[in-house]
N, C-alpha and C. Protein backbone atom coordinates (compact mmCIF):
# COMPACT_ATOMS: atom_id res chain seq x y z
N MET A 1 275.71 38.45 -31.19
CA MET A 1 275.29 37.28 -31.97
C MET A 1 275.54 36.00 -31.16
N PRO A 2 274.58 35.08 -31.12
CA PRO A 2 274.79 33.84 -30.37
C PRO A 2 275.96 33.04 -30.92
N LYS A 3 276.54 32.23 -30.06
CA LYS A 3 277.65 31.40 -30.49
C LYS A 3 277.13 30.23 -31.33
N PRO A 4 278.02 29.65 -32.18
CA PRO A 4 277.62 28.41 -32.84
C PRO A 4 277.22 27.38 -31.78
N LEU A 5 276.33 26.48 -32.17
CA LEU A 5 275.78 25.55 -31.19
C LEU A 5 276.85 24.75 -30.47
N HIS A 6 277.90 24.36 -31.21
CA HIS A 6 278.91 23.52 -30.56
C HIS A 6 279.71 24.31 -29.52
N GLN A 7 279.57 25.65 -29.49
CA GLN A 7 280.26 26.45 -28.48
C GLN A 7 279.35 26.81 -27.30
N ILE A 8 278.08 26.45 -27.40
CA ILE A 8 277.17 26.72 -26.30
C ILE A 8 277.39 25.68 -25.21
N SER A 9 277.58 26.13 -24.01
CA SER A 9 277.88 25.19 -22.93
C SER A 9 276.65 24.36 -22.58
N LYS A 10 276.89 23.15 -22.11
CA LYS A 10 275.80 22.29 -21.66
C LYS A 10 275.08 22.93 -20.47
N ARG A 11 275.83 23.68 -19.69
CA ARG A 11 275.23 24.36 -18.54
C ARG A 11 274.19 25.38 -18.98
N THR A 12 274.50 26.11 -20.07
CA THR A 12 273.55 27.09 -20.59
C THR A 12 272.31 26.40 -21.12
N LEU A 13 272.50 25.32 -21.89
CA LEU A 13 271.36 24.59 -22.41
C LEU A 13 270.52 24.00 -21.28
N ALA A 14 271.19 23.50 -20.24
CA ALA A 14 270.45 22.94 -19.10
C ALA A 14 269.63 24.02 -18.41
N TYR A 15 270.21 25.22 -18.32
CA TYR A 15 269.47 26.33 -17.71
C TYR A 15 268.23 26.68 -18.52
N VAL A 16 268.38 26.74 -19.85
CA VAL A 16 267.25 27.07 -20.71
C VAL A 16 266.17 26.00 -20.61
N ARG A 17 266.57 24.74 -20.59
CA ARG A 17 265.59 23.66 -20.42
C ARG A 17 264.85 23.81 -19.10
N GLU A 18 265.58 24.20 -18.08
CA GLU A 18 264.95 24.40 -16.77
C GLU A 18 263.94 25.55 -16.82
N GLN A 19 264.30 26.64 -17.51
CA GLN A 19 263.40 27.77 -17.63
C GLN A 19 262.13 27.38 -18.41
N ILE A 20 262.31 26.59 -19.46
CA ILE A 20 261.15 26.12 -20.22
C ILE A 20 260.28 25.23 -19.34
N GLY A 21 260.92 24.37 -18.55
CA GLY A 21 260.17 23.49 -17.66
C GLY A 21 259.33 24.27 -16.66
N GLN A 22 259.91 25.34 -16.09
CA GLN A 22 259.18 26.16 -15.13
C GLN A 22 258.02 26.90 -15.80
N LYS A 23 258.24 27.32 -17.03
CA LYS A 23 257.24 28.12 -17.73
C LYS A 23 256.09 27.28 -18.25
N THR A 24 256.39 26.07 -18.70
CA THR A 24 255.39 25.27 -19.41
C THR A 24 255.11 23.91 -18.77
N GLY A 25 256.02 23.44 -17.94
CA GLY A 25 255.88 22.08 -17.41
C GLY A 25 256.46 21.02 -18.33
N ILE A 26 256.96 21.44 -19.48
CA ILE A 26 257.56 20.50 -20.44
C ILE A 26 259.01 20.23 -20.05
N GLN A 27 259.35 18.97 -19.89
CA GLN A 27 260.69 18.61 -19.44
C GLN A 27 261.66 18.29 -20.59
N LEU A 28 261.15 18.22 -21.84
CA LEU A 28 261.99 18.00 -23.02
C LEU A 28 262.81 16.72 -22.90
N ASN A 29 262.11 15.62 -22.69
CA ASN A 29 262.78 14.33 -22.61
C ASN A 29 262.60 13.48 -23.86
N ALA A 30 261.66 13.89 -24.72
CA ALA A 30 261.36 13.10 -25.92
C ALA A 30 260.95 14.02 -27.05
N LYS A 31 260.90 13.45 -28.28
CA LYS A 31 260.57 14.26 -29.44
C LYS A 31 259.15 14.82 -29.34
N ALA A 32 258.26 14.08 -28.69
CA ALA A 32 256.88 14.56 -28.51
C ALA A 32 256.86 15.85 -27.69
N ASP A 33 257.79 15.97 -26.72
CA ASP A 33 257.88 17.20 -25.93
C ASP A 33 258.28 18.37 -26.82
N CYS A 34 259.18 18.11 -27.77
CA CYS A 34 259.62 19.16 -28.69
C CYS A 34 258.47 19.61 -29.59
N GLN A 35 257.61 18.67 -29.97
CA GLN A 35 256.45 19.02 -30.79
C GLN A 35 255.51 19.93 -30.00
N THR A 36 255.26 19.58 -28.75
CA THR A 36 254.39 20.41 -27.91
C THR A 36 254.99 21.80 -27.72
N LEU A 37 256.29 21.85 -27.47
CA LEU A 37 256.96 23.14 -27.29
C LEU A 37 256.90 23.97 -28.57
N SER A 38 257.05 23.32 -29.70
CA SER A 38 256.97 24.02 -30.99
C SER A 38 255.64 24.73 -31.14
N HIS A 39 254.56 24.05 -30.78
CA HIS A 39 253.23 24.66 -30.87
C HIS A 39 253.10 25.84 -29.90
N LEU A 40 253.61 25.68 -28.68
CA LEU A 40 253.49 26.74 -27.69
C LEU A 40 254.28 27.98 -28.10
N ILE A 41 255.48 27.77 -28.63
CA ILE A 41 256.30 28.90 -29.06
C ILE A 41 255.59 29.66 -30.18
N HIS A 42 254.99 28.92 -31.10
CA HIS A 42 254.28 29.57 -32.21
C HIS A 42 253.09 30.37 -31.69
N GLN A 43 252.37 29.81 -30.72
CA GLN A 43 251.22 30.50 -30.16
C GLN A 43 251.62 31.79 -29.44
N GLU A 44 252.74 31.73 -28.72
CA GLU A 44 253.13 32.87 -27.89
C GLU A 44 253.93 33.92 -28.66
N THR A 45 254.77 33.51 -29.59
CA THR A 45 255.68 34.46 -30.25
C THR A 45 255.33 34.71 -31.71
N GLY A 46 254.56 33.81 -32.33
CA GLY A 46 254.27 33.95 -33.75
C GLY A 46 255.35 33.37 -34.64
N HIS A 47 256.45 32.90 -34.03
CA HIS A 47 257.55 32.30 -34.80
C HIS A 47 257.37 30.79 -34.88
N SER A 48 257.76 30.23 -36.01
CA SER A 48 257.66 28.79 -36.20
C SER A 48 259.04 28.15 -36.03
N LEU A 49 259.15 27.28 -35.05
CA LEU A 49 260.35 26.48 -34.84
C LEU A 49 259.93 25.03 -34.93
N SER A 50 260.52 24.29 -35.84
CA SER A 50 260.09 22.90 -36.03
C SER A 50 260.51 22.03 -34.85
N GLU A 51 259.77 20.96 -34.67
CA GLU A 51 260.10 20.03 -33.58
C GLU A 51 261.46 19.40 -33.81
N SER A 52 261.84 19.20 -35.08
CA SER A 52 263.14 18.60 -35.36
C SER A 52 264.28 19.53 -34.98
N THR A 53 264.09 20.83 -35.19
CA THR A 53 265.10 21.81 -34.78
C THR A 53 265.25 21.82 -33.27
N LEU A 54 264.14 21.83 -32.57
CA LEU A 54 264.18 21.82 -31.11
C LEU A 54 264.78 20.51 -30.60
N TYR A 55 264.47 19.43 -31.29
CA TYR A 55 265.02 18.13 -30.90
C TYR A 55 266.54 18.13 -31.03
N ARG A 56 267.03 18.65 -32.17
CA ARG A 56 268.48 18.69 -32.36
C ARG A 56 269.16 19.58 -31.34
N LEU A 57 268.50 20.68 -30.99
CA LEU A 57 269.10 21.61 -30.04
C LEU A 57 269.18 21.03 -28.64
N PHE A 58 268.06 20.47 -28.16
CA PHE A 58 267.99 20.08 -26.75
C PHE A 58 268.29 18.61 -26.48
N LEU A 59 268.08 17.75 -27.47
CA LEU A 59 268.25 16.33 -27.20
C LEU A 59 269.43 15.70 -27.92
N GLN A 60 270.03 16.39 -28.90
CA GLN A 60 271.20 15.85 -29.57
C GLN A 60 272.46 16.64 -29.23
N HIS A 61 272.42 17.97 -29.38
CA HIS A 61 273.54 18.82 -29.02
C HIS A 61 274.85 18.31 -29.63
N LYS A 62 274.84 18.10 -30.94
CA LYS A 62 276.04 17.60 -31.62
C LYS A 62 276.88 18.76 -32.14
N ALA A 63 278.18 18.60 -32.11
CA ALA A 63 279.10 19.69 -32.46
C ALA A 63 278.97 20.11 -33.92
N GLU A 64 278.57 19.17 -34.81
CA GLU A 64 278.54 19.52 -36.23
C GLU A 64 277.28 20.28 -36.64
N ILE A 65 276.33 20.43 -35.73
CA ILE A 65 275.11 21.16 -36.06
C ILE A 65 275.43 22.64 -36.27
N LYS A 66 274.88 23.21 -37.31
CA LYS A 66 275.10 24.62 -37.60
C LYS A 66 274.39 25.51 -36.57
N PRO A 67 274.86 26.73 -36.41
CA PRO A 67 274.20 27.62 -35.45
C PRO A 67 272.79 28.00 -35.90
N TYR A 68 271.88 28.06 -34.97
CA TYR A 68 270.51 28.47 -35.24
C TYR A 68 270.29 29.82 -34.56
N ILE A 69 270.81 30.87 -35.15
CA ILE A 69 270.76 32.17 -34.50
C ILE A 69 269.33 32.62 -34.27
N HIS A 70 268.50 32.51 -35.31
CA HIS A 70 267.11 32.91 -35.17
C HIS A 70 266.42 32.02 -34.13
N THR A 71 266.66 30.72 -34.21
CA THR A 71 266.06 29.79 -33.26
C THR A 71 266.42 30.15 -31.83
N LEU A 72 267.68 30.43 -31.60
CA LEU A 72 268.14 30.71 -30.24
C LEU A 72 267.50 31.98 -29.69
N ASP A 73 267.40 33.01 -30.52
CA ASP A 73 266.80 34.26 -30.05
C ASP A 73 265.31 34.10 -29.77
N VAL A 74 264.63 33.28 -30.59
CA VAL A 74 263.21 33.03 -30.36
C VAL A 74 263.01 32.29 -29.03
N ILE A 75 263.84 31.30 -28.80
CA ILE A 75 263.75 30.55 -27.54
C ILE A 75 264.05 31.46 -26.35
N ALA A 76 265.05 32.32 -26.51
CA ALA A 76 265.37 33.27 -25.44
C ALA A 76 264.17 34.16 -25.13
N SER A 77 263.52 34.65 -26.18
CA SER A 77 262.33 35.49 -26.01
C SER A 77 261.23 34.72 -25.30
N PHE A 78 261.06 33.46 -25.67
CA PHE A 78 260.04 32.62 -25.05
C PHE A 78 260.31 32.44 -23.56
N CYS A 79 261.59 32.44 -23.18
CA CYS A 79 261.98 32.26 -21.78
C CYS A 79 262.02 33.57 -21.00
N GLY A 80 261.75 34.69 -21.68
CA GLY A 80 261.70 35.96 -20.99
C GLY A 80 262.93 36.82 -21.13
N PHE A 81 263.86 36.45 -22.03
CA PHE A 81 265.07 37.23 -22.28
C PHE A 81 264.95 37.95 -23.62
N SER A 82 265.64 39.06 -23.76
CA SER A 82 265.59 39.80 -25.01
C SER A 82 266.28 39.04 -26.15
N ARG A 83 267.46 38.49 -25.85
CA ARG A 83 268.25 37.77 -26.85
C ARG A 83 268.94 36.59 -26.19
N TRP A 84 269.39 35.64 -26.99
CA TRP A 84 270.12 34.49 -26.45
C TRP A 84 271.40 34.94 -25.76
N VAL A 85 272.03 35.98 -26.30
CA VAL A 85 273.28 36.44 -25.69
C VAL A 85 273.06 36.89 -24.25
N ASP A 86 271.83 37.35 -23.92
CA ASP A 86 271.54 37.74 -22.54
C ASP A 86 271.59 36.53 -21.62
N ILE A 87 271.17 35.38 -22.13
CA ILE A 87 271.26 34.15 -21.34
C ILE A 87 272.72 33.76 -21.16
N GLU A 88 273.49 33.86 -22.23
CA GLU A 88 274.91 33.53 -22.13
C GLU A 88 275.61 34.42 -21.12
N ASN A 89 275.27 35.71 -21.15
CA ASN A 89 275.88 36.65 -20.20
C ASN A 89 275.49 36.30 -18.78
N LYS A 90 274.24 35.92 -18.59
CA LYS A 90 273.77 35.54 -17.25
C LYS A 90 274.55 34.34 -16.72
N MET A 91 274.79 33.37 -17.60
CA MET A 91 275.45 32.15 -17.18
C MET A 91 276.94 32.32 -16.95
N THR A 92 277.52 33.38 -17.52
CA THR A 92 278.95 33.60 -17.34
C THR A 92 279.25 34.66 -16.29
N THR A 93 278.21 35.36 -15.82
CA THR A 93 278.41 36.37 -14.79
C THR A 93 278.24 35.73 -13.42
N THR A 94 279.33 35.54 -12.73
CA THR A 94 279.26 34.88 -11.43
C THR A 94 279.16 35.92 -10.32
N LEU A 95 278.52 35.51 -9.25
CA LEU A 95 278.36 36.36 -8.07
C LEU A 95 278.74 35.49 -6.88
N THR A 96 279.83 35.84 -6.19
CA THR A 96 280.26 35.02 -5.06
C THR A 96 279.49 35.42 -3.81
N ALA A 97 279.14 34.42 -3.00
CA ALA A 97 278.29 34.69 -1.85
C ALA A 97 278.56 33.72 -0.71
N VAL A 98 278.15 34.14 0.49
CA VAL A 98 278.13 33.27 1.66
C VAL A 98 276.77 33.39 2.33
N ILE A 99 276.40 32.36 3.08
CA ILE A 99 275.14 32.34 3.83
C ILE A 99 275.46 32.29 5.31
N ILE A 100 274.85 33.20 6.06
CA ILE A 100 275.06 33.21 7.51
C ILE A 100 273.69 33.14 8.19
N ASP A 101 273.40 32.00 8.79
CA ASP A 101 272.10 31.74 9.41
C ASP A 101 272.30 30.65 10.45
N ASP A 102 271.73 30.82 11.62
CA ASP A 102 271.95 29.84 12.68
C ASP A 102 271.09 28.59 12.54
N GLU A 103 270.17 28.56 11.58
CA GLU A 103 269.33 27.39 11.37
C GLU A 103 269.82 26.60 10.16
N LYS A 104 270.24 25.36 10.41
CA LYS A 104 270.79 24.52 9.34
C LYS A 104 269.80 24.30 8.20
N PRO A 105 268.51 24.00 8.48
CA PRO A 105 267.57 23.82 7.36
C PRO A 105 267.45 25.06 6.49
N ALA A 106 267.51 26.25 7.10
CA ALA A 106 267.42 27.49 6.33
C ALA A 106 268.63 27.66 5.43
N ARG A 107 269.81 27.34 5.95
CA ARG A 107 271.03 27.44 5.14
C ARG A 107 270.96 26.48 3.96
N GLU A 108 270.55 25.24 4.25
CA GLU A 108 270.51 24.24 3.19
C GLU A 108 269.43 24.55 2.16
N ASN A 109 268.31 25.10 2.61
CA ASN A 109 267.23 25.45 1.68
C ASN A 109 267.68 26.55 0.72
N LEU A 110 268.29 27.60 1.25
CA LEU A 110 268.76 28.69 0.40
C LEU A 110 269.83 28.20 -0.55
N SER A 111 270.73 27.37 -0.06
CA SER A 111 271.78 26.82 -0.92
C SER A 111 271.18 26.03 -2.07
N ALA A 112 270.16 25.24 -1.79
CA ALA A 112 269.51 24.43 -2.83
C ALA A 112 268.80 25.31 -3.85
N ILE A 113 268.15 26.38 -3.37
CA ILE A 113 267.46 27.30 -4.28
C ILE A 113 268.46 27.97 -5.22
N LEU A 114 269.57 28.42 -4.67
CA LEU A 114 270.59 29.07 -5.50
C LEU A 114 271.13 28.12 -6.55
N GLN A 115 271.39 26.91 -6.15
CA GLN A 115 271.94 25.92 -7.09
C GLN A 115 270.95 25.60 -8.20
N SER A 116 269.67 25.53 -7.86
CA SER A 116 268.65 25.13 -8.84
C SER A 116 268.22 26.28 -9.75
N TYR A 117 268.07 27.48 -9.16
CA TYR A 117 267.47 28.59 -9.91
C TYR A 117 268.46 29.68 -10.31
N TYR A 118 269.54 29.83 -9.55
CA TYR A 118 270.49 30.93 -9.83
C TYR A 118 271.92 30.39 -9.82
N PRO A 119 272.25 29.57 -10.83
CA PRO A 119 273.58 28.95 -10.87
C PRO A 119 274.71 29.95 -11.06
N GLU A 120 274.37 31.20 -11.42
CA GLU A 120 275.43 32.21 -11.54
C GLU A 120 275.99 32.62 -10.19
N VAL A 121 275.31 32.24 -9.11
CA VAL A 121 275.80 32.53 -7.76
C VAL A 121 276.71 31.40 -7.31
N THR A 122 277.95 31.72 -7.02
CA THR A 122 278.91 30.75 -6.52
C THR A 122 278.97 30.85 -5.00
N LEU A 123 278.50 29.81 -4.32
CA LEU A 123 278.47 29.82 -2.86
C LEU A 123 279.84 29.42 -2.31
N LEU A 124 280.45 30.32 -1.54
CA LEU A 124 281.80 30.09 -1.02
C LEU A 124 281.80 29.43 0.35
N GLY A 125 280.66 29.44 1.03
CA GLY A 125 280.62 28.83 2.35
C GLY A 125 279.40 29.27 3.13
N MET A 126 279.20 28.63 4.29
CA MET A 126 278.07 28.95 5.16
C MET A 126 278.54 28.98 6.61
N ALA A 127 277.87 29.78 7.41
CA ALA A 127 278.22 29.91 8.82
C ALA A 127 276.95 29.97 9.66
N ALA A 128 277.07 29.52 10.92
CA ALA A 128 275.90 29.42 11.80
C ALA A 128 275.89 30.44 12.92
N SER A 129 276.85 31.35 12.92
CA SER A 129 276.91 32.35 13.99
C SER A 129 277.54 33.64 13.48
N VAL A 130 277.36 34.71 14.22
CA VAL A 130 277.96 35.99 13.85
C VAL A 130 279.49 35.89 13.86
N THR A 131 280.04 35.27 14.90
CA THR A 131 281.49 35.15 15.01
C THR A 131 282.09 34.38 13.84
N ARG A 132 281.51 33.23 13.56
CA ARG A 132 282.02 32.43 12.44
C ARG A 132 281.73 33.13 11.12
N GLY A 133 280.63 33.86 11.06
CA GLY A 133 280.30 34.58 9.84
C GLY A 133 281.34 35.64 9.51
N ILE A 134 281.78 36.36 10.52
CA ILE A 134 282.82 37.37 10.32
C ILE A 134 284.11 36.72 9.82
N GLU A 135 284.47 35.59 10.43
CA GLU A 135 285.67 34.87 10.00
C GLU A 135 285.54 34.42 8.55
N LEU A 136 284.34 33.91 8.20
CA LEU A 136 284.12 33.42 6.84
C LEU A 136 284.21 34.55 5.82
N ILE A 137 283.63 35.69 6.14
CA ILE A 137 283.67 36.84 5.23
C ILE A 137 285.11 37.31 5.03
N ARG A 138 285.85 37.40 6.11
CA ARG A 138 287.24 37.86 6.01
C ARG A 138 288.11 36.86 5.25
N GLU A 139 287.76 35.59 5.37
CA GLU A 139 288.54 34.55 4.69
C GLU A 139 288.20 34.48 3.20
N LYS A 140 286.91 34.53 2.87
CA LYS A 140 286.48 34.28 1.50
C LYS A 140 286.27 35.56 0.68
N ARG A 141 286.06 36.68 1.34
CA ARG A 141 285.83 37.97 0.67
C ARG A 141 284.71 37.87 -0.40
N PRO A 142 283.51 37.50 0.00
CA PRO A 142 282.41 37.37 -0.97
C PRO A 142 281.91 38.73 -1.44
N GLN A 143 281.26 38.73 -2.58
CA GLN A 143 280.61 39.94 -3.07
C GLN A 143 279.26 40.17 -2.40
N LEU A 144 278.64 39.08 -1.94
CA LEU A 144 277.29 39.14 -1.41
C LEU A 144 277.19 38.28 -0.15
N VAL A 145 276.47 38.80 0.84
CA VAL A 145 276.23 38.05 2.08
C VAL A 145 274.72 37.91 2.28
N PHE A 146 274.26 36.66 2.36
CA PHE A 146 272.88 36.38 2.76
C PHE A 146 272.88 36.27 4.28
N LEU A 147 272.12 37.12 4.95
CA LEU A 147 272.28 37.28 6.38
C LEU A 147 270.96 37.17 7.12
N ASP A 148 270.93 36.30 8.13
CA ASP A 148 269.77 36.18 9.01
C ASP A 148 269.81 37.35 10.02
N ILE A 149 268.69 37.59 10.71
CA ILE A 149 268.66 38.65 11.71
C ILE A 149 269.00 38.11 13.10
N GLU A 150 268.11 37.32 13.66
CA GLU A 150 268.31 36.82 15.02
C GLU A 150 269.09 35.51 15.00
N MET A 151 270.27 35.55 15.62
CA MET A 151 271.14 34.37 15.70
C MET A 151 271.68 34.25 17.11
N GLY A 152 270.92 33.56 17.96
CA GLY A 152 271.33 33.43 19.36
C GLY A 152 271.30 34.78 20.06
N ARG A 153 272.39 35.12 20.72
CA ARG A 153 272.46 36.39 21.45
C ARG A 153 272.84 37.55 20.53
N ASN A 154 273.21 37.25 19.32
CA ASN A 154 273.63 38.29 18.39
C ASN A 154 272.66 38.41 17.22
N THR A 155 272.85 39.46 16.42
CA THR A 155 272.01 39.67 15.24
C THR A 155 272.89 39.94 14.02
N GLY A 156 272.25 39.87 12.88
CA GLY A 156 272.95 40.21 11.65
C GLY A 156 273.46 41.64 11.66
N PHE A 157 272.75 42.52 12.35
CA PHE A 157 273.20 43.91 12.45
C PHE A 157 274.52 43.99 13.23
N ASP A 158 274.67 43.13 14.25
CA ASP A 158 275.93 43.09 15.00
C ASP A 158 277.09 42.73 14.06
N LEU A 159 276.83 41.79 13.18
CA LEU A 159 277.88 41.38 12.24
C LEU A 159 278.31 42.55 11.36
N VAL A 160 277.33 43.26 10.81
CA VAL A 160 277.65 44.39 9.93
C VAL A 160 278.44 45.45 10.68
N ARG A 161 278.02 45.75 11.91
CA ARG A 161 278.73 46.77 12.71
C ARG A 161 280.16 46.34 13.01
N LYS A 162 280.34 45.07 13.36
CA LYS A 162 281.68 44.58 13.71
C LYS A 162 282.61 44.53 12.49
N MET A 163 282.03 44.40 11.31
CA MET A 163 282.85 44.36 10.10
C MET A 163 283.41 45.73 9.76
N GLY A 164 282.78 46.79 10.28
CA GLY A 164 283.24 48.14 9.95
C GLY A 164 282.89 48.47 8.51
N LYS A 165 283.84 48.97 7.75
CA LYS A 165 283.61 49.30 6.35
C LYS A 165 283.51 47.99 5.56
N VAL A 166 282.37 47.79 4.90
CA VAL A 166 282.15 46.53 4.20
C VAL A 166 282.37 46.69 2.69
N SER A 167 282.84 45.61 2.08
CA SER A 167 283.07 45.61 0.64
C SER A 167 282.07 44.70 -0.07
N PHE A 168 281.08 44.20 0.66
CA PHE A 168 280.09 43.29 0.10
C PHE A 168 278.69 43.90 0.18
N GLU A 169 277.78 43.33 -0.59
CA GLU A 169 276.38 43.70 -0.51
C GLU A 169 275.66 42.70 0.40
N THR A 170 274.56 43.15 1.00
CA THR A 170 273.85 42.31 1.98
C THR A 170 272.40 42.13 1.60
N ILE A 171 271.95 40.89 1.63
CA ILE A 171 270.53 40.58 1.51
C ILE A 171 270.10 39.89 2.80
N PHE A 172 269.22 40.53 3.54
CA PHE A 172 268.71 39.91 4.76
C PHE A 172 267.60 38.93 4.40
N ILE A 173 267.66 37.75 5.01
CA ILE A 173 266.61 36.75 4.85
C ILE A 173 266.20 36.30 6.24
N THR A 174 264.97 36.59 6.63
CA THR A 174 264.56 36.39 8.01
C THR A 174 263.07 36.06 8.11
N ALA A 175 262.69 35.57 9.27
CA ALA A 175 261.28 35.29 9.54
C ALA A 175 260.58 36.48 10.19
N TYR A 176 261.33 37.54 10.47
CA TYR A 176 260.79 38.67 11.23
C TYR A 176 260.60 39.90 10.33
N ARG A 177 259.40 40.46 10.36
CA ARG A 177 259.10 41.63 9.54
C ARG A 177 259.62 42.93 10.16
N GLU A 178 259.74 42.95 11.47
CA GLU A 178 259.91 44.23 12.17
C GLU A 178 261.29 44.87 12.02
N TYR A 179 262.25 44.18 11.40
CA TYR A 179 263.59 44.76 11.29
C TYR A 179 263.85 45.40 9.93
N ALA A 180 262.85 45.46 9.08
CA ALA A 180 263.07 45.92 7.70
C ALA A 180 263.65 47.33 7.64
N VAL A 181 263.09 48.24 8.45
CA VAL A 181 263.58 49.62 8.42
C VAL A 181 265.05 49.69 8.81
N ASP A 182 265.42 48.95 9.85
CA ASP A 182 266.82 48.92 10.28
C ASP A 182 267.73 48.37 9.19
N ALA A 183 267.23 47.37 8.46
CA ALA A 183 268.03 46.77 7.40
C ALA A 183 268.33 47.78 6.29
N PHE A 184 267.32 48.55 5.90
CA PHE A 184 267.54 49.51 4.83
C PHE A 184 268.34 50.72 5.29
N ARG A 185 268.34 50.96 6.60
CA ARG A 185 269.17 52.05 7.12
C ARG A 185 270.65 51.75 6.95
N ILE A 186 271.01 50.49 6.94
CA ILE A 186 272.42 50.15 6.71
C ILE A 186 272.66 49.79 5.24
N ASN A 187 271.70 50.20 4.39
CA ASN A 187 271.87 50.11 2.94
C ASN A 187 271.88 48.67 2.43
N ALA A 188 271.04 47.83 3.01
CA ALA A 188 270.92 46.46 2.51
C ALA A 188 270.32 46.46 1.12
N VAL A 189 270.69 45.48 0.32
CA VAL A 189 270.13 45.35 -1.03
C VAL A 189 268.64 45.03 -0.94
N ASP A 190 268.30 44.11 -0.04
CA ASP A 190 266.89 43.72 0.09
C ASP A 190 266.67 43.05 1.44
N TYR A 191 265.39 42.88 1.75
CA TYR A 191 264.96 42.28 3.01
C TYR A 191 263.88 41.28 2.66
N LEU A 192 264.23 39.99 2.64
CA LEU A 192 263.32 38.95 2.20
C LEU A 192 262.84 38.13 3.39
N LEU A 193 261.56 37.79 3.35
CA LEU A 193 260.98 37.00 4.43
C LEU A 193 261.00 35.52 4.08
N LYS A 194 261.18 34.70 5.11
CA LYS A 194 261.07 33.26 4.94
C LYS A 194 259.59 32.88 4.99
N PRO A 195 259.14 31.89 4.22
CA PRO A 195 259.89 31.13 3.21
C PRO A 195 260.24 32.00 2.00
N ILE A 196 261.34 31.70 1.38
CA ILE A 196 261.88 32.55 0.32
C ILE A 196 261.02 32.49 -0.93
N ASP A 197 260.67 33.66 -1.46
CA ASP A 197 260.00 33.76 -2.75
C ASP A 197 261.10 33.79 -3.82
N ILE A 198 261.09 32.82 -4.72
CA ILE A 198 262.18 32.67 -5.69
C ILE A 198 262.29 33.86 -6.62
N ASP A 199 261.15 34.41 -7.05
CA ASP A 199 261.20 35.57 -7.94
C ASP A 199 261.74 36.80 -7.24
N GLN A 200 261.34 37.01 -5.98
CA GLN A 200 261.86 38.14 -5.21
C GLN A 200 263.36 37.99 -4.99
N LEU A 201 263.80 36.77 -4.77
CA LEU A 201 265.24 36.53 -4.62
C LEU A 201 265.97 36.90 -5.90
N GLY A 202 265.41 36.53 -7.05
CA GLY A 202 266.03 36.87 -8.32
C GLY A 202 266.15 38.37 -8.51
N GLU A 203 265.10 39.11 -8.14
CA GLU A 203 265.14 40.57 -8.25
C GLU A 203 266.21 41.15 -7.34
N ALA A 204 266.33 40.59 -6.14
CA ALA A 204 267.35 41.07 -5.21
C ALA A 204 268.75 40.81 -5.75
N LEU A 205 268.95 39.67 -6.39
CA LEU A 205 270.26 39.35 -6.97
C LEU A 205 270.61 40.32 -8.09
N GLU A 206 269.64 40.67 -8.90
CA GLU A 206 269.89 41.63 -9.98
C GLU A 206 270.29 42.99 -9.41
N ARG A 207 269.63 43.42 -8.32
CA ARG A 207 270.00 44.69 -7.69
C ARG A 207 271.41 44.62 -7.11
N ALA A 208 271.74 43.47 -6.54
CA ALA A 208 273.10 43.30 -5.99
C ALA A 208 274.14 43.40 -7.10
N LYS A 209 273.87 42.79 -8.23
CA LYS A 209 274.81 42.85 -9.37
C LYS A 209 274.99 44.28 -9.84
N THR A 210 273.88 45.00 -9.92
CA THR A 210 273.93 46.40 -10.37
C THR A 210 274.78 47.24 -9.42
N ARG A 211 274.57 47.06 -8.14
CA ARG A 211 275.36 47.82 -7.15
C ARG A 211 276.84 47.48 -7.26
N LEU A 212 277.15 46.22 -7.39
CA LEU A 212 278.55 45.83 -7.48
C LEU A 212 279.20 46.37 -8.74
N THR A 213 278.44 46.38 -9.84
CA THR A 213 278.96 46.95 -11.09
C THR A 213 279.23 48.44 -10.94
N ASN A 214 278.33 49.13 -10.27
CA ASN A 214 278.47 50.58 -10.10
C ASN A 214 279.61 50.97 -9.17
N ARG A 215 280.09 50.02 -8.39
CA ARG A 215 281.24 50.29 -7.50
C ARG A 215 282.53 50.46 -8.28
N HIS A 216 282.57 49.84 -9.46
CA HIS A 216 283.83 49.81 -10.22
C HIS A 216 283.86 50.86 -11.32
């Protein structure tokens, strides 16, 4: 069952607003936006949510407002989730990660994507070389490593070999197609090509979570 509205974190509401924005282009800045969203939800789900209810949820967020359990589940469905509690679980399930890539723009781009689209990923640090990457992994002990392939004289595969037995999952992100077979031979979660496809990244993150859960 969803939490009362006053217990829903602003972070969760911000995430839902972001999902609505991506799906519809509606930014929910005014009551007129809530009216438009109300019509769209009715068209897509068959459920009626008044503009005033949506306004109170997204633009007022006052502690004394009663919980809208039905409203929350309908909105969750509209955003592609089965129930509102699935969104809450997503927002509270953290995945610690590091980025290892010798190109600064690539590191910053991936970091920005994670912050904007996958806030459940907590970035512990970034490194620009295999040597520093190994040090970072040993220091931070992340659950997930985003790893480039070609980094100067070394490769991401060198890093994995030098680490020996690994306790993290690996997602390779590279501009080169030809290393995919090698990546899956070392049991990588996924092999993503630059520029990063946001949906493919999300699917890779879900697989990483599943693997980590199955370890325990």
